Amino acid sequence: MSERSEPTVDTAGPSARADGMDPATEAFVAHRNLLFTVAYEMLGSAADAEDVLQETWLRWMKIDLGQVRDQRAYLVRITTRRSLDRLRTMKRRKEAYVGPWLPEPLLTTPDVAEDVELAESVSMALMLVLETLSPTERAVFVLREVFDVGYQEIAAAVSKSPATVRQIAHRARRHVDARRPRETVSPGEAQAVLESFQRALDSRNLQDLLDVLAPDVVLISDGGGVKQAAPRPITGAGKVARMIIDGLGKAQITLTGEPTVVNGNPALLLRLDGDLDGVIAVRIENARITGLYYVRNPRKLTRIASETPLTLK
């Protein structure tokens, strides 16, 4: 379906508003946070999501608003298509990436953490699961399961039939459900576990770390070839704890952890001798950490100085 195939209903109104903002700009600004959230959940990169929004804006400005029945749906459709195009180019970049790749962390506003569904959908743990889907599966899952978009609208966005979209949605949901955290952890529970982890880092005590880590915990660190990081995931509480303790001990550095909220979930900003070293997010199940996600790549730390608004609406 082409981007000009919507039924004709005149919703544009006057050519400009009293405040000087034209109708097309007004609609884009009204839905910008939603469009960014859609693009970010599909791409895992704020920088690429911003590029997609720029492309969406340029395409939107060429649309005859008199041909648009639902401006929100139309904008989401354009954003989805642009995100799909970018996902395919990002695949090549990730294949050449040095070491493990983690999503770009975002310092989020308080309302994101309060929205359980939104917080889970942008959590580092779920974003990593989404990385295992094909581009089309990811688009369908995000639009259907996160944003509750109808099958007809998704079909138009991904250029598939509604019946095919239903099949893709079922397959993607089954894939994600098999890999996502099995329980929902409240912000209070997550904060308590993270505080225990921080105390263990402060004490540099091996047993304290083992007490807060699940036996099958996985540590993934992303240095992007710019900062030192494990070349592959480290699995097992013993290996992870010893790696952390040995790393701190050999470096003879002062480590401080600053509690924050990243991607709607409790996290730590880690500083080494006062300088920001990275962001560490966690996956928690049964009051223990099952996943540690440490982003050290400086290029991915540009969104932790100011809050990024996200929304499902």
Protein backbone atom coordinates (compact mmCIF):
# COMPACT_ATOMS: atom_id res chain seq x y z
CA MET A 1 0.00 0.00 0.00
CA SER A 2 1.41 3.41 -0.90
CA GLU A 3 1.74 6.18 1.66
CA ARG A 4 -0.97 8.14 -0.18
CA SER A 5 -3.67 5.47 -0.10
CA GLU A 6 -5.64 6.71 2.93
CA PRO A 7 -9.33 7.59 2.36
CA THR A 8 -9.97 11.29 1.80
CA VAL A 9 -11.25 13.08 4.89
CA ASP A 10 -10.47 16.76 5.35
CA THR A 11 -8.78 17.10 8.73
CA ALA A 12 -6.26 19.79 7.88
CA GLY A 13 -8.37 22.83 8.75
CA PRO A 14 -6.79 26.28 8.27
CA SER A 15 -3.42 26.40 6.55
CA ALA A 16 -1.74 27.79 9.68
CA ARG A 17 -2.43 28.13 13.40
CA ALA A 18 -2.58 31.36 15.34
CA ASP A 19 0.79 30.54 16.93
CA GLY A 20 2.38 30.23 13.50
CA MET A 21 2.70 26.42 13.58
CA ASP A 22 1.26 24.83 10.45
CA PRO A 23 -1.06 21.80 10.80
CA ALA A 24 1.54 19.28 9.60
CA THR A 25 4.14 20.52 12.08
CA GLU A 26 1.57 20.62 14.87
CA ALA A 27 0.63 16.97 14.25
CA PHE A 28 4.26 15.86 14.12
CA VAL A 29 5.17 17.68 17.33
CA ALA A 30 2.10 16.25 19.09
CA HIS A 31 3.20 12.68 18.29
CA ARG A 32 6.97 13.13 18.37
CA ASN A 33 7.60 11.31 21.67
CA LEU A 34 5.51 8.37 20.49
CA LEU A 35 7.36 8.21 17.16
CA PHE A 36 10.72 8.33 18.93
CA THR A 37 9.63 5.51 21.24
CA VAL A 38 8.53 3.37 18.28
CA ALA A 39 11.81 3.96 16.46
CA TYR A 40 13.94 3.41 19.57
CA GLU A 41 12.22 0.13 20.45
CA MET A 42 12.77 -1.09 16.91
CA LEU A 43 16.39 0.04 16.67
CA GLY A 44 17.85 0.10 20.19
CA SER A 45 19.72 3.26 19.24
CA ALA A 46 18.65 6.79 20.15
CA ALA A 47 20.93 8.28 17.50
CA ASP A 48 19.38 6.15 14.77
CA ALA A 49 15.90 6.81 16.15
CA GLU A 50 16.52 10.55 15.81
CA ASP A 51 17.65 10.04 12.21
CA VAL A 52 14.46 8.09 11.53
CA LEU A 53 12.39 10.93 12.98
CA GLN A 54 14.14 13.37 10.67
CA GLU A 55 13.33 11.15 7.70
CA THR A 56 9.74 10.78 8.91
CA TRP A 57 9.42 14.55 9.21
CA LEU A 58 10.71 15.12 5.67
CA ARG A 59 8.29 12.54 4.28
CA TRP A 60 5.39 13.89 6.36
CA MET A 61 5.87 17.42 5.05
CA LYS A 62 5.19 16.14 1.52
CA ILE A 63 1.86 14.55 2.49
CA ASP A 64 -1.46 16.14 1.58
CA LEU A 65 -3.19 16.17 4.97
CA GLY A 66 -6.55 16.15 3.22
CA GLN A 67 -5.77 12.57 2.22
CA VAL A 68 -5.03 11.42 5.79
CA ARG A 69 -7.75 9.84 7.90
CA ASP A 70 -5.69 9.14 11.03
CA GLN A 71 -2.59 11.29 11.46
CA ARG A 72 -1.16 9.26 14.35
CA ALA A 73 -1.47 5.97 12.45
CA TYR A 74 0.01 7.53 9.34
CA LEU A 75 3.01 8.92 11.18
CA VAL A 76 3.59 5.58 12.92
CA ARG A 77 3.44 3.89 9.52
CA ILE A 78 6.11 6.18 8.06
CA THR A 79 8.30 5.78 11.15
CA THR A 80 7.98 1.99 11.00
CA ARG A 81 8.99 1.85 7.36
CA ARG A 82 11.97 4.10 7.89
CA SER A 83 12.98 2.04 10.95
CA LEU A 84 12.79 -1.17 8.94
CA ASP A 85 15.08 0.31 6.31
CA ARG A 86 17.54 1.38 8.98
CA LEU A 87 17.39 -1.97 10.78
CA ARG A 88 18.69 -3.66 7.66
CA THR A 89 21.63 -1.27 7.38
CA MET A 90 22.33 -1.55 11.12
CA LYS A 91 22.69 -5.32 10.72
CA ARG A 92 25.84 -4.76 8.69
CA ARG A 93 27.18 -2.30 11.26
CA LYS A 94 26.57 -4.72 14.11
CA GLU A 95 28.36 -7.51 12.26
CA ALA A 96 31.45 -5.29 12.16
CA TYR A 97 31.02 -4.10 15.77
CA VAL A 98 33.89 -4.85 18.14
CA GLY A 99 32.65 -7.13 20.94
CA PRO A 100 29.08 -7.55 22.21
CA TRP A 101 26.50 -4.95 21.18
CA LEU A 102 24.10 -3.48 23.76
CA PRO A 103 21.24 -1.02 23.22
CA GLU A 104 21.95 2.65 23.85
CA PRO A 105 20.83 3.49 27.43
CA LEU A 106 18.43 6.37 28.02
CA LEU A 107 17.97 8.41 31.17
CA THR A 108 14.19 8.35 31.38
CA THR A 109 11.54 10.51 33.02
CA PRO A 110 9.81 9.34 36.24
CA ASP A 111 6.54 8.53 34.43
CA VAL A 112 8.30 5.84 32.37
CA ALA A 113 9.23 3.89 35.50
CA GLU A 114 5.67 4.25 36.80
CA ASP A 115 4.24 2.68 33.63
CA VAL A 116 5.01 -1.02 34.11
CA GLU A 117 4.25 -1.97 30.51
CA LEU A 118 6.38 0.81 29.05
CA ALA A 119 9.25 0.20 31.49
CA GLU A 120 9.38 -3.48 30.57
CA SER A 121 9.21 -2.79 26.84
CA VAL A 122 12.29 -0.52 26.94
CA SER A 123 14.22 -2.50 29.57
CA MET A 124 17.69 -3.57 28.53
CA ALA A 125 16.71 -7.22 29.04
CA LEU A 126 13.75 -7.11 26.66
CA MET A 127 15.55 -4.90 24.15
CA LEU A 128 18.22 -7.59 23.91
CA VAL A 129 15.56 -10.23 23.29
CA LEU A 130 14.15 -8.08 20.49
CA GLU A 131 17.60 -8.16 18.89
CA THR A 132 17.08 -11.86 18.20
CA LEU A 133 14.06 -11.20 15.97
CA SER A 134 14.16 -10.50 12.25
CA PRO A 135 13.47 -6.85 11.28
CA THR A 136 9.88 -7.61 10.24
CA GLU A 137 9.23 -9.74 13.34
CA ARG A 138 10.55 -6.96 15.54
CA ALA A 139 8.39 -4.35 13.85
CA VAL A 140 5.27 -6.49 14.15
CA PHE A 141 5.96 -7.41 17.78
CA VAL A 142 6.67 -3.82 18.83
CA LEU A 143 3.62 -2.40 17.08
CA ARG A 144 1.23 -5.13 18.24
CA GLU A 145 2.44 -6.09 21.70
CA VAL A 146 3.79 -2.76 22.89
CA PHE A 147 1.67 -0.17 21.11
CA ASP A 148 -1.45 -2.28 20.51
CA VAL A 149 -1.66 -1.29 16.85
CA GLY A 150 -4.31 -3.14 14.84
CA TYR A 151 -3.37 -5.84 12.35
CA GLN A 152 -4.65 -3.81 9.40
CA GLU A 153 -2.45 -0.85 10.31
CA ILE A 154 0.58 -3.08 10.90
CA ALA A 155 -0.01 -4.78 7.55
CA ALA A 156 0.10 -1.38 5.84
CA ALA A 157 3.28 -0.45 7.70
CA VAL A 158 5.24 -3.63 6.90
CA SER A 159 3.72 -4.27 3.45
CA LYS A 160 2.26 -7.65 4.39
CA SER A 161 -1.28 -9.02 4.41
CA PRO A 162 -3.18 -8.94 7.73
CA ALA A 163 -3.23 -12.74 7.77
CA THR A 164 0.55 -12.87 7.36
CA VAL A 165 0.97 -10.24 10.08
CA ARG A 166 -1.07 -12.37 12.48
CA GLN A 167 1.23 -15.33 11.83
CA ILE A 168 4.34 -13.20 12.29
CA ALA A 169 2.92 -11.73 15.51
CA HIS A 170 2.21 -15.20 16.91
CA ARG A 171 5.70 -16.43 16.02
CA ALA A 172 7.42 -13.35 17.42
CA ARG A 173 5.38 -13.45 20.64
CA ARG A 174 6.25 -17.09 21.21
CA HIS A 175 9.93 -16.37 20.58
CA VAL A 176 10.01 -13.40 22.95
CA ASP A 177 7.98 -15.12 25.68
CA ALA A 178 10.49 -17.98 25.75
CA ARG A 179 13.35 -15.55 26.40
CA ARG A 180 11.95 -12.59 28.35
CA PRO A 181 12.16 -12.40 32.18
CA ARG A 182 9.64 -14.78 33.71
CA GLU A 183 8.42 -12.38 36.37
CA THR A 184 7.65 -8.70 36.68
CA VAL A 185 9.81 -7.02 39.31
CA SER A 186 8.52 -3.89 41.03
CA PRO A 187 10.72 -0.79 41.06
CA GLY A 188 11.11 -1.19 44.83
CA GLU A 189 12.30 -4.79 44.53
CA ALA A 190 14.68 -3.89 41.74
CA GLN A 191 16.07 -0.98 43.73
CA ALA A 192 16.69 -3.22 46.76
CA VAL A 193 18.61 -5.76 44.70
CA LEU A 194 20.60 -3.02 42.99
CA GLU A 195 21.51 -1.51 46.36
CA SER A 196 22.79 -4.92 47.51
CA PHE A 197 24.87 -5.14 44.35
CA GLN A 198 26.25 -1.65 44.93
CA ARG A 199 27.22 -2.52 48.51
CA ALA A 200 29.00 -5.61 47.21
CA LEU A 201 30.94 -3.46 44.75
CA ASP A 202 31.85 -1.04 47.53
CA SER A 203 33.07 -3.83 49.79
CA ARG A 204 34.80 -5.68 46.94
CA ASN A 205 33.83 -8.83 48.78
CA LEU A 206 33.49 -11.95 46.65
CA GLN A 207 30.86 -13.57 48.83
CA ASP A 208 28.73 -10.43 48.90
CA LEU A 209 28.67 -10.48 45.12
CA LEU A 210 27.87 -14.18 44.98
CA ASP A 211 24.94 -13.60 47.34
CA VAL A 212 23.27 -11.13 44.96
CA LEU A 213 24.10 -12.89 41.68
CA ALA A 214 22.02 -15.78 40.35
CA PRO A 215 24.04 -18.96 39.65
CA ASP A 216 23.49 -18.58 35.89
CA VAL A 217 23.99 -14.80 35.72
CA VAL A 218 25.29 -13.41 32.43
CA LEU A 219 27.52 -10.32 32.18
CA ILE A 220 27.59 -8.49 28.85
CA SER A 221 29.88 -5.49 28.47
CA ASP A 222 29.90 -3.14 25.50
CA GLY A 223 33.04 -1.12 24.90
CA GLY A 224 32.58 -0.76 21.16
CA GLY A 225 36.31 -1.13 20.58
CA VAL A 226 36.84 2.21 22.35
CA LYS A 227 36.99 0.94 25.95
CA GLN A 228 38.10 -2.41 27.24
CA ALA A 229 35.30 -4.96 27.56
CA ALA A 230 34.93 -8.72 27.64
CA PRO A 231 34.98 -9.96 24.02
CA ARG A 232 32.05 -12.26 24.73
CA PRO A 233 29.39 -12.72 27.44
CA ILE A 234 30.60 -14.11 30.78
CA THR A 235 28.29 -16.74 32.31
CA GLY A 236 28.12 -18.04 35.88
CA ALA A 237 28.15 -16.29 39.25
CA GLY A 238 31.65 -17.41 40.12
CA LYS A 239 33.21 -16.22 36.87
CA VAL A 240 31.32 -12.93 36.87
CA ALA A 241 32.10 -12.14 40.52
CA ARG A 242 35.78 -12.98 40.18
CA MET A 243 36.07 -10.91 37.01
CA ILE A 244 34.58 -7.90 38.79
CA ILE A 245 36.71 -8.27 41.93
CA ASP A 246 39.92 -8.94 39.98
CA GLY A 247 39.28 -6.00 37.67
CA LEU A 248 38.77 -3.58 40.54
CA GLY A 249 41.69 -4.92 42.52
CA LYS A 250 44.24 -4.86 39.70
CA ALA A 251 43.29 -1.36 38.62
CA GLN A 252 43.61 0.07 42.14
CA ILE A 253 40.83 2.50 41.38
CA THR A 254 38.10 4.23 43.31
CA LEU A 255 34.73 2.97 42.14
CA THR A 256 31.51 4.81 42.93
CA GLY A 257 28.02 3.88 41.88
CA GLU A 258 25.34 6.52 41.40
CA PRO A 259 21.75 5.20 41.42
CA THR A 260 19.72 6.32 38.43
CA VAL A 261 16.82 5.20 36.24
CA VAL A 262 17.76 4.01 32.78
CA ASN A 263 15.19 2.78 30.29
CA GLY A 264 12.54 3.01 32.98
CA ASN A 265 14.39 0.70 35.37
CA PRO A 266 16.84 1.16 38.27
CA ALA A 267 20.47 1.24 37.13
CA LEU A 268 23.88 2.54 38.20
CA LEU A 269 26.14 5.16 36.74
CA LEU A 270 29.62 3.88 37.52
CA ARG A 271 32.47 6.32 37.99
CA LEU A 272 36.12 5.33 38.19
CA ASP A 273 38.25 7.85 40.06
CA GLY A 274 35.41 10.34 39.58
CA ASP A 275 35.12 9.96 35.81
CA LEU A 276 32.04 8.41 34.22
CA ASP A 277 32.94 4.92 33.07
CA GLY A 278 29.57 3.56 32.00
CA VAL A 279 26.02 2.55 32.79
CA ILE A 280 25.13 -0.81 34.26
CA ALA A 281 21.59 -2.13 33.94
CA VAL A 282 20.34 -5.37 35.44
CA ARG A 283 17.87 -8.16 34.86
CA ILE A 284 16.36 -9.49 38.08
CA GLU A 285 14.48 -12.70 38.85
CA ASN A 286 13.72 -14.22 42.25
CA ALA A 287 15.48 -11.33 44.03
CA ARG A 288 18.79 -12.05 42.30
CA ILE A 289 20.56 -10.58 39.32
CA THR A 290 20.39 -12.82 36.27
CA GLY A 291 21.77 -10.29 33.79
CA LEU A 292 24.33 -7.49 34.01
CA TYR A 293 24.51 -5.13 31.04
CA TYR A 294 27.47 -2.76 31.17
CA VAL A 295 27.62 -0.06 28.49
CA ARG A 296 31.08 1.56 28.39
CA ASN A 297 31.16 2.74 24.78
CA PRO A 298 31.31 6.57 25.12
CA ARG A 299 29.30 7.01 21.92
CA LYS A 300 26.38 5.31 23.66
CA LEU A 301 26.49 7.46 26.79
CA THR A 302 25.21 10.72 25.34
CA ARG A 303 21.62 10.17 26.53
CA ILE A 304 22.27 9.88 30.25
CA ALA A 305 22.88 13.57 30.96
CA SER A 306 19.27 14.63 30.35
CA GLU A 307 15.96 12.77 30.45
CA THR A 308 14.38 11.35 27.30
CA PRO A 309 10.56 11.32 27.30
CA LEU A 310 9.00 8.08 26.08
CA THR A 311 5.33 7.17 25.64
CA LEU A 312 3.01 4.47 24.37
CA LYS A 313 0.36 7.00 23.33
